[in-house]
Amino acid sequence: MQSISRDEMGACPSVGTSLKTDRVAAGDP
């Protein structure tokens, strides 16, 4: 975190994606 730049921060999303689902495929987070 001490090396992250403002530009790199700008590329980050504001919120995460929901991983909840009824079924998953192998390899899915």
PDB file of all heavy atoms in Angstrom:
ATOM      1  N   MET A   1       0.802  -1.232   0.000  1.00  0.00           N
ATOM      2  CA  MET A   1       0.000   0.000   0.000  1.00  0.00           C
ATOM      3  C   MET A   1       0.830   1.276   0.000  1.00  0.00           C
ATOM      4  O   MET A   1       0.378   2.314  -0.474  1.00  0.00           O
ATOM      5  CB  MET A   1      -0.972   0.001   1.186  1.00  0.00           C
ATOM      6  CG  MET A   1      -0.317   0.008   2.547  1.00  0.00           C
ATOM      7  SD  MET A   1      -1.552  -0.166   3.858  1.00  0.00           S
ATOM      8  CE  MET A   1      -0.498  -0.216   5.308  1.00  0.00           C
ATOM      9  N   GLN A   2       2.054   1.241   0.523  1.00  0.00           N
ATOM     10  CA  GLN A   2       2.858   2.455   0.544  1.00  0.00           C
ATOM     11  C   GLN A   2       3.358   2.824  -0.852  1.00  0.00           C
ATOM     12  O   GLN A   2       3.693   3.979  -1.104  1.00  0.00           O
ATOM     13  CB  GLN A   2       4.041   2.295   1.507  1.00  0.00           C
ATOM     14  CG  GLN A   2       3.613   2.257   2.959  1.00  0.00           C
ATOM     15  CD  GLN A   2       4.788   2.221   3.913  1.00  0.00           C
ATOM     16  OE1 GLN A   2       5.912   2.559   3.550  1.00  0.00           O
ATOM     17  NE2 GLN A   2       4.547   1.809   5.152  1.00  0.00           N
ATOM     18  N   SER A   3       3.379   1.862  -1.754  1.00  0.00           N
ATOM     19  CA  SER A   3       3.876   2.131  -3.106  1.00  0.00           C
ATOM     20  C   SER A   3       2.766   2.397  -4.116  1.00  0.00           C
ATOM     21  O   SER A   3       3.034   2.799  -5.250  1.00  0.00           O
ATOM     22  CB  SER A   3       4.736   0.955  -3.593  1.00  0.00           C
ATOM     23  OG  SER A   3       3.966  -0.238  -3.645  1.00  0.00           O
ATOM     24  N   ILE A   4       1.501   2.191  -3.730  1.00  0.00           N
ATOM     25  CA  ILE A   4       0.409   2.414  -4.686  1.00  0.00           C
ATOM     26  C   ILE A   4       0.300   3.890  -5.026  1.00  0.00           C
ATOM     27  O   ILE A   4       0.496   4.770  -4.179  1.00  0.00           O
ATOM     28  CB  ILE A   4      -0.928   1.877  -4.137  1.00  0.00           C
ATOM     29  CG1 ILE A   4      -1.996   1.903  -5.245  1.00  0.00           C
ATOM     30  CG2 ILE A   4      -1.395   2.683  -2.940  1.00  0.00           C
ATOM     31  CD1 ILE A   4      -3.281   1.213  -4.852  1.00  0.00           C
ATOM     32  N   SER A   5       0.023   4.194  -6.302  1.00  0.00           N
ATOM     33  CA  SER A   5      -0.085   5.578  -6.769  1.00  0.00           C
ATOM     34  C   SER A   5      -1.544   5.999  -6.828  1.00  0.00           C
ATOM     35  O   SER A   5      -2.463   5.168  -6.762  1.00  0.00           O
ATOM     36  CB  SER A   5       0.539   5.714  -8.159  1.00  0.00           C
ATOM     37  OG  SER A   5      -0.247   5.018  -9.126  1.00  0.00           O
ATOM     38  N   ARG A   6      -1.761   7.304  -6.989  1.00  0.00           N
ATOM     39  CA  ARG A   6      -3.127   7.821  -7.110  1.00  0.00           C
ATOM     40  C   ARG A   6      -3.795   7.291  -8.368  1.00  0.00           C
ATOM     41  O   ARG A   6      -5.004   7.020  -8.381  1.00  0.00           O
ATOM     42  CB  ARG A   6      -3.109   9.344  -7.120  1.00  0.00           C
ATOM     43  CG  ARG A   6      -2.623   9.964  -5.814  1.00  0.00           C
ATOM     44  CD  ARG A   6      -2.668  11.478  -5.885  1.00  0.00           C
ATOM     45  NE  ARG A   6      -4.029  11.979  -5.848  1.00  0.00           N
ATOM     46  CZ  ARG A   6      -4.373  13.233  -6.118  1.00  0.00           C
ATOM     47  NH1 ARG A   6      -3.448  14.115  -6.453  1.00  0.00           N
ATOM     48  NH2 ARG A   6      -5.627  13.617  -6.050  1.00  0.00           N
ATOM     49  N   ASP A   7      -3.019   7.134  -9.450  1.00  0.00           N
ATOM     50  CA  ASP A   7      -3.588   6.589 -10.685  1.00  0.00           C
ATOM     51  C   ASP A   7      -4.027   5.142 -10.486  1.00  0.00           C
ATOM     52  O   ASP A   7      -5.080   4.728 -10.981  1.00  0.00           O
ATOM     53  CB  ASP A   7      -2.565   6.676 -11.823  1.00  0.00           C
ATOM     54  CG  ASP A   7      -2.338   8.106 -12.291  1.00  0.00           C
ATOM     55  OD1 ASP A   7      -3.199   8.959 -12.020  1.00  0.00           O
ATOM     56  OD2 ASP A   7      -1.295   8.365 -12.920  1.00  0.00           O
ATOM     57  N   GLU A   8      -3.223   4.375  -9.779  1.00  0.00           N
ATOM     58  CA  GLU A   8      -3.592   2.980  -9.512  1.00  0.00           C
ATOM     59  C   GLU A   8      -4.825   2.911  -8.627  1.00  0.00           C
ATOM     60  O   GLU A   8      -5.690   2.048  -8.829  1.00  0.00           O
ATOM     61  CB  GLU A   8      -2.419   2.254  -8.862  1.00  0.00           C
ATOM     62  CG  GLU A   8      -1.256   1.998  -9.812  1.00  0.00           C
ATOM     63  CD  GLU A   8      -0.025   1.487  -9.108  1.00  0.00           C
ATOM     64  OE1 GLU A   8       0.244   1.940  -7.966  1.00  0.00           O
ATOM     65  OE2 GLU A   8       0.677   0.640  -9.686  1.00  0.00           O
ATOM     66  N   MET A   9      -4.918   3.814  -7.673  1.00  0.00           N
ATOM     67  CA  MET A   9      -6.116   3.866  -6.837  1.00  0.00           C
ATOM     68  C   MET A   9      -7.335   4.186  -7.697  1.00  0.00           C
ATOM     69  O   MET A   9      -8.418   3.623  -7.506  1.00  0.00           O
ATOM     70  CB  MET A   9      -5.963   4.908  -5.737  1.00  0.00           C
ATOM     71  CG  MET A   9      -7.227   5.128  -4.908  1.00  0.00           C
ATOM     72  SD  MET A   9      -6.989   6.368  -3.602  1.00  0.00           S
ATOM     73  CE  MET A   9      -8.688   6.640  -3.068  1.00  0.00           C
ATOM     74  N   GLY A  10      -7.169   5.096  -8.657  1.00  0.00           N
ATOM     75  CA  GLY A  10      -8.282   5.483  -9.507  1.00  0.00           C
ATOM     76  C   GLY A  10      -8.840   4.326 -10.318  1.00  0.00           C
ATOM     77  O   GLY A  10     -10.023   4.323 -10.679  1.00  0.00           O
ATOM     78  N   ALA A  11      -8.001   3.330 -10.618  1.00  0.00           N
ATOM     79  CA  ALA A  11      -8.444   2.185 -11.403  1.00  0.00           C
ATOM     80  C   ALA A  11      -9.231   1.180 -10.580  1.00  0.00           C
ATOM     81  O   ALA A  11      -9.918   0.313 -11.129  1.00  0.00           O
ATOM     82  CB  ALA A  11      -7.228   1.492 -12.026  1.00  0.00           C
ATOM     83  N   CYS A  12      -9.163   1.288  -9.262  1.00  0.00           N
ATOM     84  CA  CYS A  12      -9.870   0.337  -8.392  1.00  0.00           C
ATOM     85  C   CYS A  12     -11.367   0.619  -8.387  1.00  0.00           C
ATOM     86  O   CYS A  12     -11.785   1.777  -8.423  1.00  0.00           O
ATOM     87  CB  CYS A  12      -9.333   0.416  -6.970  1.00  0.00           C
ATOM     88  SG  CYS A  12      -7.607  -0.083  -6.789  1.00  0.00           S
ATOM     89  N   PRO A  13     -12.195  -0.426  -8.331  1.00  0.00           N
ATOM     90  CA  PRO A  13     -13.646  -0.212  -8.244  1.00  0.00           C
ATOM     91  C   PRO A  13     -14.031   0.317  -6.873  1.00  0.00           C
ATOM     92  O   PRO A  13     -13.280   0.186  -5.908  1.00  0.00           O
ATOM     93  CB  PRO A  13     -14.210  -1.617  -8.476  1.00  0.00           C
ATOM     94  CG  PRO A  13     -13.144  -2.524  -7.962  1.00  0.00           C
ATOM     95  CD  PRO A  13     -11.839  -1.855  -8.288  1.00  0.00           C
ATOM     96  N   SER A  14     -15.207   0.919  -6.784  1.00  0.00           N
ATOM     97  CA  SER A  14     -15.677   1.434  -5.498  1.00  0.00           C
ATOM     98  C   SER A  14     -16.193   0.317  -4.597  1.00  0.00           C
ATOM     99  O   SER A  14     -15.969   0.342  -3.385  1.00  0.00           O
ATOM    100  CB  SER A  14     -16.778   2.476  -5.718  1.00  0.00           C
ATOM    101  OG  SER A  14     -16.257   3.606  -6.379  1.00  0.00           O
ATOM    102  N   VAL A  15     -16.886  -0.639  -5.182  1.00  0.00           N
ATOM    103  CA  VAL A  15     -17.433  -1.752  -4.399  1.00  0.00           C
ATOM    104  C   VAL A  15     -17.135  -3.062  -5.110  1.00  0.00           C
ATOM    105  O   VAL A  15     -16.908  -3.107  -6.318  1.00  0.00           O
ATOM    106  CB  VAL A  15     -18.958  -1.608  -4.175  1.00  0.00           C
ATOM    107  CG1 VAL A  15     -19.271  -0.397  -3.330  1.00  0.00           C
ATOM    108  CG2 VAL A  15     -19.696  -1.549  -5.503  1.00  0.00           C
ATOM    109  N   GLY A  16     -17.150  -4.136  -4.334  1.00  0.00           N
ATOM    110  CA  GLY A  16     -16.911  -5.454  -4.907  1.00  0.00           C
ATOM    111  C   GLY A  16     -18.137  -6.003  -5.618  1.00  0.00           C
ATOM    112  O   GLY A  16     -19.245  -5.482  -5.506  1.00  0.00           O
ATOM    113  N   THR A  17     -17.920  -7.092  -6.333  1.00  0.00           N
ATOM    114  CA  THR A  17     -18.983  -7.814  -7.030  1.00  0.00           C
ATOM    115  C   THR A  17     -19.498  -8.933  -6.139  1.00  0.00           C
ATOM    116  O   THR A  17     -18.717  -9.619  -5.486  1.00  0.00           O
ATOM    117  CB  THR A  17     -18.434  -8.429  -8.335  1.00  0.00           C
ATOM    118  OG1 THR A  17     -17.989  -7.380  -9.191  1.00  0.00           O
ATOM    119  CG2 THR A  17     -19.487  -9.254  -9.052  1.00  0.00           C
ATOM    120  N   SER A  18     -20.797  -9.106  -6.090  1.00  0.00           N
ATOM    121  CA  SER A  18     -21.363 -10.192  -5.298  1.00  0.00           C
ATOM    122  C   SER A  18     -21.038 -11.533  -5.961  1.00  0.00           C
ATOM    123  O   SER A  18     -21.244 -11.716  -7.168  1.00  0.00           O
ATOM    124  CB  SER A  18     -22.872 -10.036  -5.165  1.00  0.00           C
ATOM    125  OG  SER A  18     -23.422 -11.152  -4.488  1.00  0.00           O
ATOM    126  N   LEU A  19     -20.505 -12.467  -5.169  1.00  0.00           N
ATOM    127  CA  LEU A  19     -20.153 -13.791  -5.669  1.00  0.00           C
ATOM    128  C   LEU A  19     -21.260 -14.801  -5.423  1.00  0.00           C
ATOM    129  O   LEU A  19     -21.163 -15.949  -5.885  1.00  0.00           O
ATOM    130  CB  LEU A  19     -18.863 -14.273  -4.987  1.00  0.00           C
ATOM    131  CG  LEU A  19     -17.641 -13.360  -5.114  1.00  0.00           C
ATOM    132  CD1 LEU A  19     -16.467 -13.959  -4.348  1.00  0.00           C
ATOM    133  CD2 LEU A  19     -17.266 -13.128  -6.569  1.00  0.00           C
ATOM    134  N   LYS A  20     -22.288 -14.410  -4.708  1.00  0.00           N
ATOM    135  CA  LYS A  20     -23.356 -15.346  -4.360  1.00  0.00           C
ATOM    136  C   LYS A  20     -24.128 -15.780  -5.613  1.00  0.00           C
ATOM    137  O   LYS A  20     -24.493 -14.945  -6.450  1.00  0.00           O
ATOM    138  CB  LYS A  20     -24.301 -14.734  -3.333  1.00  0.00           C
ATOM    139  CG  LYS A  20     -23.791 -14.857  -1.902  1.00  0.00           C
ATOM    140  CD  LYS A  20     -24.937 -14.765  -0.917  1.00  0.00           C
ATOM    141  CE  LYS A  20     -24.494 -15.281   0.443  1.00  0.00           C
ATOM    142  NZ  LYS A  20     -25.609 -15.308   1.410  1.00  0.00           N
ATOM    143  N   THR A  21     -24.381 -17.062  -5.704  1.00  0.00           N
ATOM    144  CA  THR A  21     -25.049 -17.602  -6.878  1.00  0.00           C
ATOM    145  C   THR A  21     -25.672 -18.949  -6.526  1.00  0.00           C
ATOM    146  O   THR A  21     -25.356 -19.538  -5.477  1.00  0.00           O
ATOM    147  CB  THR A  21     -24.044 -17.777  -8.034  1.00  0.00           C
ATOM    148  OG1 THR A  21     -24.710 -18.273  -9.190  1.00  0.00           O
ATOM    149  CG2 THR A  21     -22.920 -18.739  -7.644  1.00  0.00           C
ATOM    150  N   ASP A  22     -26.543 -19.465  -7.392  1.00  0.00           N
ATOM    151  CA  ASP A  22     -27.145 -20.785  -7.163  1.00  0.00           C
ATOM    152  C   ASP A  22     -26.203 -21.913  -7.581  1.00  0.00           C
ATOM    153  O   ASP A  22     -26.205 -22.990  -6.986  1.00  0.00           O
ATOM    154  CB  ASP A  22     -28.465 -20.915  -7.936  1.00  0.00           C
ATOM    155  CG  ASP A  22     -29.530 -19.974  -7.407  1.00  0.00           C
ATOM    156  OD1 ASP A  22     -29.463 -19.647  -6.202  1.00  0.00           O
ATOM    157  OD2 ASP A  22     -30.393 -19.562  -8.192  1.00  0.00           O
ATOM    158  N   ARG A  23     -25.401 -21.635  -8.625  1.00  0.00           N
ATOM    159  CA  ARG A  23     -24.489 -22.651  -9.135  1.00  0.00           C
ATOM    160  C   ARG A  23     -23.164 -21.986  -9.512  1.00  0.00           C
ATOM    161  O   ARG A  23     -23.130 -20.813  -9.897  1.00  0.00           O
ATOM    162  CB  ARG A  23     -25.073 -23.359 -10.369  1.00  0.00           C
ATOM    163  CG  ARG A  23     -26.436 -24.008 -10.137  1.00  0.00           C
ATOM    164  CD  ARG A  23     -26.946 -24.691 -11.399  1.00  0.00           C
ATOM    165  NE  ARG A  23     -26.132 -25.843 -11.771  1.00  0.00           N
ATOM    166  CZ  ARG A  23     -26.265 -27.075 -11.262  1.00  0.00           C
ATOM    167  NH1 ARG A  23     -27.208 -27.311 -10.344  1.00  0.00           N
ATOM    168  NH2 ARG A  23     -25.500 -28.067 -11.658  1.00  0.00           N
ATOM    169  N   VAL A  24     -22.079 -22.721  -9.390  1.00  0.00           N
ATOM    170  CA  VAL A  24     -20.769 -22.209  -9.772  1.00  0.00           C
ATOM    171  C   VAL A  24     -20.115 -23.154 -10.778  1.00  0.00           C
ATOM    172  O   VAL A  24     -20.431 -24.354 -10.825  1.00  0.00           O
ATOM    173  CB  VAL A  24     -19.824 -22.057  -8.559  1.00  0.00           C
ATOM    174  CG1 VAL A  24     -20.374 -21.036  -7.587  1.00  0.00           C
ATOM    175  CG2 VAL A  24     -19.559 -23.388  -7.877  1.00  0.00           C
ATOM    176  N   ALA A  25     -19.198 -22.582 -11.535  1.00  0.00           N
ATOM    177  CA  ALA A  25     -18.346 -23.365 -12.423  1.00  0.00           C
ATOM    178  C   ALA A  25     -16.979 -23.510 -11.766  1.00  0.00           C
ATOM    179  O   ALA A  25     -16.554 -22.627 -11.002  1.00  0.00           O
ATOM    180  CB  ALA A  25     -18.221 -22.684 -13.779  1.00  0.00           C
ATOM    181  N   ALA A  26     -16.310 -24.595 -12.024  1.00  0.00           N
ATOM    182  CA  ALA A  26     -14.975 -24.800 -11.468  1.00  0.00           C
ATOM    183  C   ALA A  26     -14.081 -23.633 -11.872  1.00  0.00           C
ATOM    184  O   ALA A  26     -14.059 -23.222 -13.043  1.00  0.00           O
ATOM    185  CB  ALA A  26     -14.393 -26.120 -11.966  1.00  0.00           C
ATOM    186  N   GLY A  27     -13.353 -23.090 -10.901  1.00  0.00           N
ATOM    187  CA  GLY A  27     -12.481 -21.947 -11.164  1.00  0.00           C
ATOM    188  C   GLY A  27     -13.083 -20.616 -10.802  1.00  0.00           C
ATOM    189  O   GLY A  27     -12.377 -19.602 -10.751  1.00  0.00           O
ATOM    190  N   ASP A  28     -14.388 -20.591 -10.531  1.00  0.00           N
ATOM    191  CA  ASP A  28     -15.032 -19.335 -10.145  1.00  0.00           C
ATOM    192  C   ASP A  28     -14.610 -18.928  -8.730  1.00  0.00           C
ATOM    193  O   ASP A  28     -14.527 -19.786  -7.841  1.00  0.00           O
ATOM    194  CB  ASP A  28     -16.557 -19.473 -10.166  1.00  0.00           C
ATOM    195  CG  ASP A  28     -17.139 -19.419 -11.557  1.00  0.00           C
ATOM    196  OD1 ASP A  28     -16.387 -19.122 -12.504  1.00  0.00           O
ATOM    197  OD2 ASP A  28     -18.357 -19.682 -11.691  1.00  0.00           O
ATOM    198  N   PRO A  29     -14.406 -17.624  -8.480  1.00  0.00           N
ATOM    199  CA  PRO A  29     -14.203 -17.156  -7.095  1.00  0.00           C
ATOM    200  C   PRO A  29     -15.508 -17.316  -6.333  1.00  0.00           C
ATOM    201  O   PRO A  29     -16.594 -17.048  -6.874  1.00  0.00           O
ATOM    202  CB  PRO A  29     -13.827 -15.684  -7.273  1.00  0.00           C
ATOM    203  CG  PRO A  29     -14.403 -15.294  -8.588  1.00  0.00           C
ATOM    204  CD  PRO A  29     -14.371 -16.516  -9.454  1.00  0.00           C
TER     205      PRO A  29
END
